[in-house]
């Protein structure tokens, strides 16, 4: 496996942990979560929100790392919605 691929697997595992331990616990799971009411465009707007927030305030390192997980998670929502639409 490449180093890039290995890093992606490690990051993916962190995203998975975030989804299971934070997102689903707080907001519920498919198909009963509020993400199902959002469009792919709505999800991309959320990605932008977290990208634009990066480095603009006094958020600590852990909060910045969590925002990176949120960006990946919303990107996966957009990807899934676009895939479903064909």
PDB file of N, CA and C in Angstrom:
ATOM      1  N   UNK A   1       0.854  -1.179   0.000  1.00  0.00           N
ATOM      2  CA  UNK A   1       0.000   0.000   0.000  1.00  0.00           C
ATOM      3  C   UNK A   1       0.897   1.239   0.000  1.00  0.00           C
ATOM      4  N   UNK A   2       0.477   2.267  -0.698  1.00  0.00           N
ATOM      5  CA  UNK A   2       1.213   3.530  -0.726  1.00  0.00           C
ATOM      6  C   UNK A   2       1.046   4.266   0.605  1.00  0.00           C
ATOM      7  N   UNK A   3       1.944   5.196   0.857  1.00  0.00           N
ATOM      8  CA  UNK A   3       1.826   6.033   2.049  1.00  0.00           C
ATOM      9  C   UNK A   3       0.554   6.873   1.969  1.00  0.00           C
ATOM     10  N   UNK A   4       0.263   7.405   0.772  1.00  0.00           N
ATOM     11  CA  UNK A   4      -0.972   8.191   0.601  1.00  0.00           C
ATOM     12  C   UNK A   4      -2.205   7.336   0.890  1.00  0.00           C
ATOM     13  N   UNK A   5      -2.204   6.131   0.355  1.00  0.00           N
ATOM     14  CA  UNK A   5      -3.332   5.228   0.602  1.00  0.00           C
ATOM     15  C   UNK A   5      -3.457   4.878   2.073  1.00  0.00           C
ATOM     16  N   UNK A   6      -2.324   4.628   2.713  1.00  0.00           N
ATOM     17  CA  UNK A   6      -2.322   4.301   4.140  1.00  0.00           C
ATOM     18  C   UNK A   6      -2.837   5.479   4.963  1.00  0.00           C
ATOM     19  N   UNK A   7      -2.400   6.694   4.622  1.00  0.00           N
ATOM     20  CA  UNK A   7      -2.894   7.877   5.333  1.00  0.00           C
ATOM     21  C   UNK A   7      -4.394   8.053   5.143  1.00  0.00           C
ATOM     22  N   UNK A   8      -4.886   7.742   3.934  1.00  0.00           N
ATOM     23  CA  UNK A   8      -6.323   7.844   3.690  1.00  0.00           C
ATOM     24  C   UNK A   8      -7.087   6.843   4.547  1.00  0.00           C
ATOM     25  N   UNK A   9      -6.566   5.639   4.678  1.00  0.00           N
ATOM     26  CA  UNK A   9      -7.223   4.624   5.507  1.00  0.00           C
ATOM     27  C   UNK A   9      -7.274   5.083   6.960  1.00  0.00           C
ATOM     28  N   UNK A  10      -6.192   5.649   7.453  1.00  0.00           N
ATOM     29  CA  UNK A  10      -6.170   6.151   8.838  1.00  0.00           C
ATOM     30  C   UNK A  10      -7.182   7.292   9.023  1.00  0.00           C
ATOM     31  N   UNK A  11      -7.209   8.219   8.055  1.00  0.00           N
ATOM     32  CA  UNK A  11      -8.157   9.324   8.115  1.00  0.00           C
ATOM     33  C   UNK A  11      -9.586   8.791   8.039  1.00  0.00           C
ATOM     34  N   UNK A  12      -9.825   7.858   7.133  1.00  0.00           N
ATOM     35  CA  UNK A  12     -11.149   7.254   6.998  1.00  0.00           C
ATOM     36  C   UNK A  12     -11.613   6.607   8.286  1.00  0.00           C
ATOM     37  N   UNK A  13     -10.676   5.978   8.998  1.00  0.00           N
ATOM     38  CA  UNK A  13     -11.024   5.362  10.280  1.00  0.00           C
ATOM     39  C   UNK A  13     -11.431   6.426  11.296  1.00  0.00           C
ATOM     40  N   UNK A  14     -10.771   7.581  11.261  1.00  0.00           N
ATOM     41  CA  UNK A  14     -11.144   8.680  12.164  1.00  0.00           C
ATOM     42  C   UNK A  14     -12.525   9.244  11.805  1.00  0.00           C
ATOM     43  N   UNK A  15     -12.792   9.362  10.503  1.00  0.00           N
ATOM     44  CA  UNK A  15     -14.114   9.831  10.070  1.00  0.00           C
ATOM     45  C   UNK A  15     -15.177   8.837  10.544  1.00  0.00           C
ATOM     46  N   UNK A  16     -14.916   7.548  10.357  1.00  0.00           N
ATOM     47  CA  UNK A  16     -15.856   6.515  10.797  1.00  0.00           C
ATOM     48  C   UNK A  16     -16.127   6.630  12.302  1.00  0.00           C
ATOM     49  N   UNK A  17     -15.071   6.798  13.074  1.00  0.00           N
ATOM     50  CA  UNK A  17     -15.211   6.948  14.522  1.00  0.00           C
ATOM     51  C   UNK A  17     -16.052   8.184  14.854  1.00  0.00           C
ATOM     52  N   UNK A  18     -15.825   9.270  14.150  1.00  0.00           N
ATOM     53  CA  UNK A  18     -16.603  10.504  14.344  1.00  0.00           C
ATOM     54  C   UNK A  18     -18.084  10.263  14.039  1.00  0.00           C
ATOM     55  N   UNK A  19     -18.348   9.577  12.933  1.00  0.00           N
ATOM     56  CA  UNK A  19     -19.731   9.292  12.540  1.00  0.00           C
ATOM     57  C   UNK A  19     -20.416   8.450  13.614  1.00  0.00           C
ATOM     58  N   UNK A  20     -19.784   7.371  14.015  1.00  0.00           N
ATOM     59  CA  UNK A  20     -20.395   6.444  14.974  1.00  0.00           C
ATOM     60  C   UNK A  20     -20.557   7.051  16.366  1.00  0.00           C
ATOM     61  N   UNK A  21     -19.534   7.752  16.843  1.00  0.00           N
ATOM     62  CA  UNK A  21     -19.524   8.193  18.234  1.00  0.00           C
ATOM     63  C   UNK A  21     -20.069   9.593  18.454  1.00  0.00           C
ATOM     64  N   UNK A  22     -20.153  10.384  17.413  1.00  0.00           N
ATOM     65  CA  UNK A  22     -20.618  11.763  17.566  1.00  0.00           C
ATOM     66  C   UNK A  22     -21.887  12.017  16.755  1.00  0.00           C
ATOM     67  N   UNK A  23     -21.790  11.828  15.444  1.00  0.00           N
ATOM     68  CA  UNK A  23     -22.883  12.227  14.563  1.00  0.00           C
ATOM     69  C   UNK A  23     -24.136  11.382  14.777  1.00  0.00           C
ATOM     70  N   UNK A  24     -24.011  10.081  14.693  1.00  0.00           N
ATOM     71  CA  UNK A  24     -25.184   9.207  14.838  1.00  0.00           C
ATOM     72  C   UNK A  24     -25.750   9.322  16.249  1.00  0.00           C
ATOM     73  N   UNK A  25     -24.872   9.393  17.227  1.00  0.00           N
ATOM     74  CA  UNK A  25     -25.339   9.512  18.611  1.00  0.00           C
ATOM     75  C   UNK A  25     -26.124  10.805  18.830  1.00  0.00           C
ATOM     76  N   UNK A  26     -25.719  11.872  18.161  1.00  0.00           N
ATOM     77  CA  UNK A  26     -26.357  13.167  18.368  1.00  0.00           C
ATOM     78  C   UNK A  26     -27.537  13.412  17.428  1.00  0.00           C
ATOM     79  N   UNK A  27     -27.433  12.962  16.175  1.00  0.00           N
ATOM     80  CA  UNK A  27     -28.427  13.333  15.167  1.00  0.00           C
ATOM     81  C   UNK A  27     -29.234  12.168  14.605  1.00  0.00           C
ATOM     82  N   UNK A  28     -28.915  10.950  14.976  1.00  0.00           N
ATOM     83  CA  UNK A  28     -29.622   9.798  14.453  1.00  0.00           C
ATOM     84  C   UNK A  28     -28.945   9.233  13.214  1.00  0.00           C
ATOM     85  N   UNK A  29     -29.573   8.236  12.628  1.00  0.00           N
ATOM     86  CA  UNK A  29     -28.978   7.500  11.517  1.00  0.00           C
ATOM     87  C   UNK A  29     -29.933   7.480  10.329  1.00  0.00           C
ATOM     88  N   UNK A  30     -29.384   7.163   9.187  1.00  0.00           N
ATOM     89  CA  UNK A  30     -30.161   6.997   7.957  1.00  0.00           C
ATOM     90  C   UNK A  30     -31.251   5.959   8.175  1.00  0.00           C
ATOM     91  N   UNK A  31     -32.433   6.146   7.728  1.00  0.00           N
ATOM     92  CA  UNK A  31     -32.961   7.253   6.945  1.00  0.00           C
ATOM     93  C   UNK A  31     -33.680   8.314   7.779  1.00  0.00           C
ATOM     94  N   UNK A  32     -33.474   8.279   9.085  1.00  0.00           N
ATOM     95  CA  UNK A  32     -34.243   9.157   9.977  1.00  0.00           C
ATOM     96  C   UNK A  32     -33.511  10.418  10.415  1.00  0.00           C
ATOM     97  N   UNK A  33     -32.311  10.677   9.885  1.00  0.00           N
ATOM     98  CA  UNK A  33     -31.587  11.885  10.270  1.00  0.00           C
ATOM     99  C   UNK A  33     -31.967  13.051   9.358  1.00  0.00           C
ATOM    100  N   UNK A  34     -31.613  14.240   9.774  1.00  0.00           N
ATOM    101  CA  UNK A  34     -32.005  15.423   9.011  1.00  0.00           C
ATOM    102  C   UNK A  34     -31.227  15.588   7.707  1.00  0.00           C
ATOM    103  N   UNK A  35     -30.177  14.837   7.511  1.00  0.00           N
ATOM    104  CA  UNK A  35     -29.402  14.919   6.267  1.00  0.00           C
ATOM    105  C   UNK A  35     -30.265  14.508   5.081  1.00  0.00           C
ATOM    106  N   UNK A  36     -31.213  13.645   5.289  1.00  0.00           N
ATOM    107  CA  UNK A  36     -32.058  13.186   4.181  1.00  0.00           C
ATOM    108  C   UNK A  36     -32.912  14.300   3.599  1.00  0.00           C
ATOM    109  N   UNK A  37     -33.091  15.373   4.344  1.00  0.00           N
ATOM    110  CA  UNK A  37     -33.850  16.502   3.808  1.00  0.00           C
ATOM    111  C   UNK A  37     -32.953  17.468   3.022  1.00  0.00           C
ATOM    112  N   UNK A  38     -31.648  17.241   3.070  1.00  0.00           N
ATOM    113  CA  UNK A  38     -30.693  18.127   2.405  1.00  0.00           C
ATOM    114  C   UNK A  38     -30.381  17.633   0.992  1.00  0.00           C
ATOM    115  N   UNK A  39     -30.014  18.574   0.137  1.00  0.00           N
ATOM    116  CA  UNK A  39     -29.564  18.244  -1.213  1.00  0.00           C
ATOM    117  C   UNK A  39     -28.039  18.143  -1.209  1.00  0.00           C
ATOM    118  N   UNK A  40     -27.491  17.666  -2.328  1.00  0.00           N
ATOM    119  CA  UNK A  40     -26.032  17.638  -2.466  1.00  0.00           C
ATOM    120  C   UNK A  40     -25.475  19.050  -2.327  1.00  0.00           C
ATOM    121  N   UNK A  41     -26.174  20.022  -2.897  1.00  0.00           N
ATOM    122  CA  UNK A  41     -25.734  21.417  -2.799  1.00  0.00           C
ATOM    123  C   UNK A  41     -25.719  21.895  -1.350  1.00  0.00           C
ATOM    124  N   UNK A  42     -26.725  21.518  -0.573  1.00  0.00           N
ATOM    125  CA  UNK A  42     -26.754  21.870   0.852  1.00  0.00           C
ATOM    126  C   UNK A  42     -25.539  21.296   1.576  1.00  0.00           C
ATOM    127  N   UNK A  43     -25.186  20.071   1.224  1.00  0.00           N
ATOM    128  CA  UNK A  43     -24.032  19.425   1.856  1.00  0.00           C
ATOM    129  C   UNK A  43     -22.738  20.156   1.495  1.00  0.00           C
ATOM    130  N   UNK A  44     -22.598  20.574   0.254  1.00  0.00           N
ATOM    131  CA  UNK A  44     -21.423  21.331  -0.166  1.00  0.00           C
ATOM    132  C   UNK A  44     -21.363  22.676   0.555  1.00  0.00           C
ATOM    133  N   UNK A  45     -22.516  23.282   0.811  1.00  0.00           N
ATOM    134  CA  UNK A  45     -22.533  24.529   1.587  1.00  0.00           C
ATOM    135  C   UNK A  45     -21.978  24.294   2.994  1.00  0.00           C
ATOM    136  N   UNK A  46     -22.292  23.146   3.565  1.00  0.00           N
ATOM    137  CA  UNK A  46     -21.745  22.817   4.885  1.00  0.00           C
ATOM    138  C   UNK A  46     -20.229  22.616   4.811  1.00  0.00           C
ATOM    139  N   UNK A  47     -19.762  21.977   3.750  1.00  0.00           N
ATOM    140  CA  UNK A  47     -18.314  21.822   3.555  1.00  0.00           C
ATOM    141  C   UNK A  47     -17.673  23.208   3.530  1.00  0.00           C
ATOM    142  N   UNK A  48     -18.234  24.115   2.740  1.00  0.00           N
ATOM    143  CA  UNK A  48     -17.693  25.479   2.638  1.00  0.00           C
ATOM    144  C   UNK A  48     -17.669  26.171   3.999  1.00  0.00           C
ATOM    145  N   UNK A  49     -18.731  25.982   4.773  1.00  0.00           N
ATOM    146  CA  UNK A  49     -18.819  26.611   6.090  1.00  0.00           C
ATOM    147  C   UNK A  49     -17.623  26.222   6.952  1.00  0.00           C
ATOM    148  N   UNK A  50     -17.323  24.932   6.979  1.00  0.00           N
ATOM    149  CA  UNK A  50     -16.206  24.470   7.816  1.00  0.00           C
ATOM    150  C   UNK A  50     -14.856  24.842   7.211  1.00  0.00           C
ATOM    151  N   UNK A  51     -14.739  24.849   5.899  1.00  0.00           N
ATOM    152  CA  UNK A  51     -13.490  25.267   5.252  1.00  0.00           C
ATOM    153  C   UNK A  51     -13.225  26.743   5.553  1.00  0.00           C
ATOM    154  N   UNK A  52     -14.251  27.569   5.411  1.00  0.00           N
ATOM    155  CA  UNK A  52     -14.089  29.003   5.638  1.00  0.00           C
ATOM    156  C   UNK A  52     -13.807  29.330   7.104  1.00  0.00           C
ATOM    157  N   UNK A  53     -14.257  28.491   8.002  1.00  0.00           N
ATOM    158  CA  UNK A  53     -14.029  28.713   9.424  1.00  0.00           C
ATOM    159  C   UNK A  53     -12.579  28.427   9.821  1.00  0.00           C
ATOM    160  N   UNK A  54     -11.903  27.608   9.024  1.00  0.00           N
ATOM    161  CA  UNK A  54     -10.549  27.199   9.359  1.00  0.00           C
ATOM    162  C   UNK A  54      -9.611  28.405   9.480  1.00  0.00           C
ATOM    163  N   UNK A  55      -8.957  28.520  10.625  1.00  0.00           N
ATOM    164  CA  UNK A  55      -7.979  29.562  10.839  1.00  0.00           C
ATOM    165  C   UNK A  55      -8.526  30.946  11.102  1.00  0.00           C
ATOM    166  N   UNK A  56      -9.842  31.102  11.176  1.00  0.00           N
ATOM    167  CA  UNK A  56     -10.433  32.429  11.340  1.00  0.00           C
ATOM    168  C   UNK A  56     -10.798  32.779  12.773  1.00  0.00           C
ATOM    169  N   UNK A  57     -10.697  31.852  13.662  1.00  0.00           N
ATOM    170  CA  UNK A  57     -11.076  32.172  15.038  1.00  0.00           C
ATOM    171  C   UNK A  57     -10.117  31.493  16.007  1.00  0.00           C
ATOM    172  N   UNK A  58     -10.449  31.503  17.238  1.00  0.00           N
ATOM    173  CA  UNK A  58      -9.574  30.985  18.284  1.00  0.00           C
ATOM    174  C   UNK A  58      -9.822  29.515  18.593  1.00  0.00           C
ATOM    175  N   UNK A  59     -10.355  28.791  17.623  1.00  0.00           N
ATOM    176  CA  UNK A  59     -10.633  27.382  17.859  1.00  0.00           C
ATOM    177  C   UNK A  59      -9.327  26.637  18.117  1.00  0.00           C
ATOM    178  N   UNK A  60      -9.370  25.728  19.061  1.00  0.00           N
ATOM    179  CA  UNK A  60      -8.192  24.942  19.383  1.00  0.00           C
ATOM    180  C   UNK A  60      -7.902  23.880  18.336  1.00  0.00           C
ATOM    181  N   UNK A  61      -6.784  23.252  18.484  1.00  0.00           N
ATOM    182  CA  UNK A  61      -6.336  22.238  17.528  1.00  0.00           C
ATOM    183  C   UNK A  61      -7.338  21.092  17.404  1.00  0.00           C
ATOM    184  N   UNK A  62      -7.864  20.613  18.511  1.00  0.00           N
ATOM    185  CA  UNK A  62      -8.828  19.503  18.470  1.00  0.00           C
ATOM    186  C   UNK A  62     -10.092  19.884  17.707  1.00  0.00           C
ATOM    187  N   UNK A  63     -10.569  21.096  17.910  1.00  0.00           N
ATOM    188  CA  UNK A  63     -11.753  21.560  17.177  1.00  0.00           C
ATOM    189  C   UNK A  63     -11.467  21.670  15.681  1.00  0.00           C
ATOM    190  N   UNK A  64     -10.265  22.121  15.329  1.00  0.00           N
ATOM    191  CA  UNK A  64      -9.899  22.207  13.916  1.00  0.00           C
ATOM    192  C   UNK A  64      -9.826  20.814  13.295  1.00  0.00           C
ATOM    193  N   UNK A  65      -9.254  19.866  14.022  1.00  0.00           N
ATOM    194  CA  UNK A  65      -9.197  18.494  13.509  1.00  0.00           C
ATOM    195  C   UNK A  65     -10.605  17.914  13.349  1.00  0.00           C
ATOM    196  N   UNK A  66     -11.490  18.199  14.303  1.00  0.00           N
ATOM    197  CA  UNK A  66     -12.874  17.718  14.208  1.00  0.00           C
ATOM    198  C   UNK A  66     -13.571  18.334  12.991  1.00  0.00           C
ATOM    199  N   UNK A  67     -13.289  19.608  12.722  1.00  0.00           N
ATOM    200  CA  UNK A  67     -13.867  20.246  11.537  1.00  0.00           C
ATOM    201  C   UNK A  67     -13.430  19.538  10.255  1.00  0.00           C
ATOM    202  N   UNK A  68     -12.205  19.054  10.203  1.00  0.00           N
ATOM    203  CA  UNK A  68     -11.735  18.308   9.022  1.00  0.00           C
ATOM    204  C   UNK A  68     -12.554  17.024   8.843  1.00  0.00           C
ATOM    205  N   UNK A  69     -12.906  16.383   9.940  1.00  0.00           N
ATOM    206  CA  UNK A  69     -13.749  15.182   9.875  1.00  0.00           C
ATOM    207  C   UNK A  69     -15.143  15.553   9.375  1.00  0.00           C
ATOM    208  N   UNK A  70     -15.660  16.680   9.825  1.00  0.00           N
ATOM    209  CA  UNK A  70     -16.983  17.143   9.385  1.00  0.00           C
ATOM    210  C   UNK A  70     -16.978  17.452   7.891  1.00  0.00           C
ATOM    211  N   UNK A  71     -15.896  18.064   7.411  1.00  0.00           N
ATOM    212  CA  UNK A  71     -15.775  18.347   5.984  1.00  0.00           C
ATOM    213  C   UNK A  71     -15.855  17.052   5.186  1.00  0.00           C
ATOM    214  N   UNK A  72     -15.098  16.056   5.602  1.00  0.00           N
ATOM    215  CA  UNK A  72     -15.108  14.772   4.895  1.00  0.00           C
ATOM    216  C   UNK A  72     -16.484  14.118   4.957  1.00  0.00           C
ATOM    217  N   UNK A  73     -17.134  14.206   6.103  1.00  0.00           N
ATOM    218  CA  UNK A  73     -18.442  13.581   6.265  1.00  0.00           C
ATOM    219  C   UNK A  73     -19.482  14.258   5.364  1.00  0.00           C
ATOM    220  N   UNK A  74     -19.509  15.587   5.355  1.00  0.00           N
ATOM    221  CA  UNK A  74     -20.448  16.278   4.466  1.00  0.00           C
ATOM    222  C   UNK A  74     -20.126  16.028   2.998  1.00  0.00           C
ATOM    223  N   UNK A  75     -18.845  15.923   2.657  1.00  0.00           N
ATOM    224  CA  UNK A  75     -18.472  15.597   1.278  1.00  0.00           C
ATOM    225  C   UNK A  75     -18.997  14.217   0.905  1.00  0.00           C
ATOM    226  N   UNK A  76     -18.949  13.282   1.846  1.00  0.00           N
ATOM    227  CA  UNK A  76     -19.476  11.942   1.550  1.00  0.00           C
ATOM    228  C   UNK A  76     -20.989  11.968   1.372  1.00  0.00           C
ATOM    229  N   UNK A  77     -21.678  12.824   2.126  1.00  0.00           N
ATOM    230  CA  UNK A  77     -23.124  12.974   1.919  1.00  0.00           C
ATOM    231  C   UNK A  77     -23.410  13.484   0.515  1.00  0.00           C
ATOM    232  N   UNK A  78     -22.670  14.508   0.097  1.00  0.00           N
ATOM    233  CA  UNK A  78     -22.869  15.069  -1.247  1.00  0.00           C
ATOM    234  C   UNK A  78     -22.595  14.004  -2.303  1.00  0.00           C
ATOM    235  N   UNK A  79     -21.527  13.262  -2.136  1.00  0.00           N
ATOM    236  CA  UNK A  79     -21.167  12.198  -3.082  1.00  0.00           C
ATOM    237  C   UNK A  79     -22.282  11.157  -3.173  1.00  0.00           C
ATOM    238  N   UNK A  80     -22.789  10.740  -2.023  1.00  0.00           N
ATOM    239  CA  UNK A  80     -23.846   9.715  -1.986  1.00  0.00           C
ATOM    240  C   UNK A  80     -25.126  10.229  -2.643  1.00  0.00           C
ATOM    241  N   UNK A  81     -25.492  11.471  -2.360  1.00  0.00           N
ATOM    242  CA  UNK A  81     -26.709  12.035  -2.963  1.00  0.00           C
ATOM    243  C   UNK A  81     -26.564  12.146  -4.481  1.00  0.00           C
ATOM    244  N   UNK A  82     -25.397  12.567  -4.945  1.00  0.00           N
ATOM    245  CA  UNK A  82     -25.161  12.659  -6.384  1.00  0.00           C
ATOM    246  C   UNK A  82     -25.164  11.272  -7.037  1.00  0.00           C
ATOM    247  N   UNK A  83     -24.595  10.292  -6.345  1.00  0.00           N
ATOM    248  CA  UNK A  83     -24.573   8.912  -6.874  1.00  0.00           C
ATOM    249  C   UNK A  83     -25.982   8.351  -6.989  1.00  0.00           C
ATOM    250  N   UNK A  84     -26.815   8.611  -5.989  1.00  0.00           N
ATOM    251  CA  UNK A  84     -28.193   8.126  -6.015  1.00  0.00           C
ATOM    252  C   UNK A  84     -28.999   8.744  -7.163  1.00  0.00           C
ATOM    253  N   UNK A  85     -28.685  10.022  -7.459  1.00  0.00           N
ATOM    254  CA  UNK A  85     -29.408  10.721  -8.515  1.00  0.00           C
ATOM    255  C   UNK A  85     -29.008  10.245  -9.910  1.00  0.00           C
ATOM    256  N   UNK A  86     -27.920   9.528 -10.005  1.00  0.00           N
ATOM    257  CA  UNK A  86     -27.477   8.996 -11.300  1.00  0.00           C
ATOM    258  C   UNK A  86     -26.565   9.916 -11.934  1.00  0.00           C
TER     259      UNK A  86
END
